Amino acid sequence: MPGLAVRPTPDRLREALFNVLGPRIAGTVFLDCYAGGGSVGIEALSRGAARAIFVERNRAALEVLRENLRSLGLEDKATVARALSKEHSTDIAFIDPPYALEGEYRSALEQLADTRCELIIAQHATRFALEAAYGRLRKTRVLRQGDNSLSFFESSAGE
């Protein structure tokens, strides 16, 4: 198992995330960035997303991710990549860099701000506060659950 190379999303937090997203997920292209084994993107597909893009650099996690997609028969609805790219046209993005890579938040959020993605959710340690804005993205909500938080960023109007 990849260990501290990935940040697992607790089941309760993942459930809270998808309760917030509700029907907004149906028919979307969902980006699971720093995907690990892919549980968040796979959940998005199970809740009606049309496609999911999984971005993961860690080789061990990539093997687990590919096996998870294969075993669930989701390969035709999934794209697996090793890096975030502007070529990845998505509607909703979820990012959760590994514990040791807190500097990745700024990079990923600024890169996503330059795309058409309208909603980005960042999972992070509650003690680690993200900025209120990254480019055209503005923080609209923070959902705290113990040591983990989800910060929601949406495109600001007129930009």
Foldseek 3Di string as FASTA:
>chain_A
DCPLQADDDDPVNLVVVCVVCDPVLAQWEEEEECQQLNPNVVVSVVRHHQAYEYEHQDPVSVVNNVVVCVVVVNPVRYHYYPDDDLVDATAEYEYEGGPVPPVVVLVVQLVCLPHPHFKYKYKDFPVDDDDQDHNQWGFDDWADDPRIIITMIGGHPPD
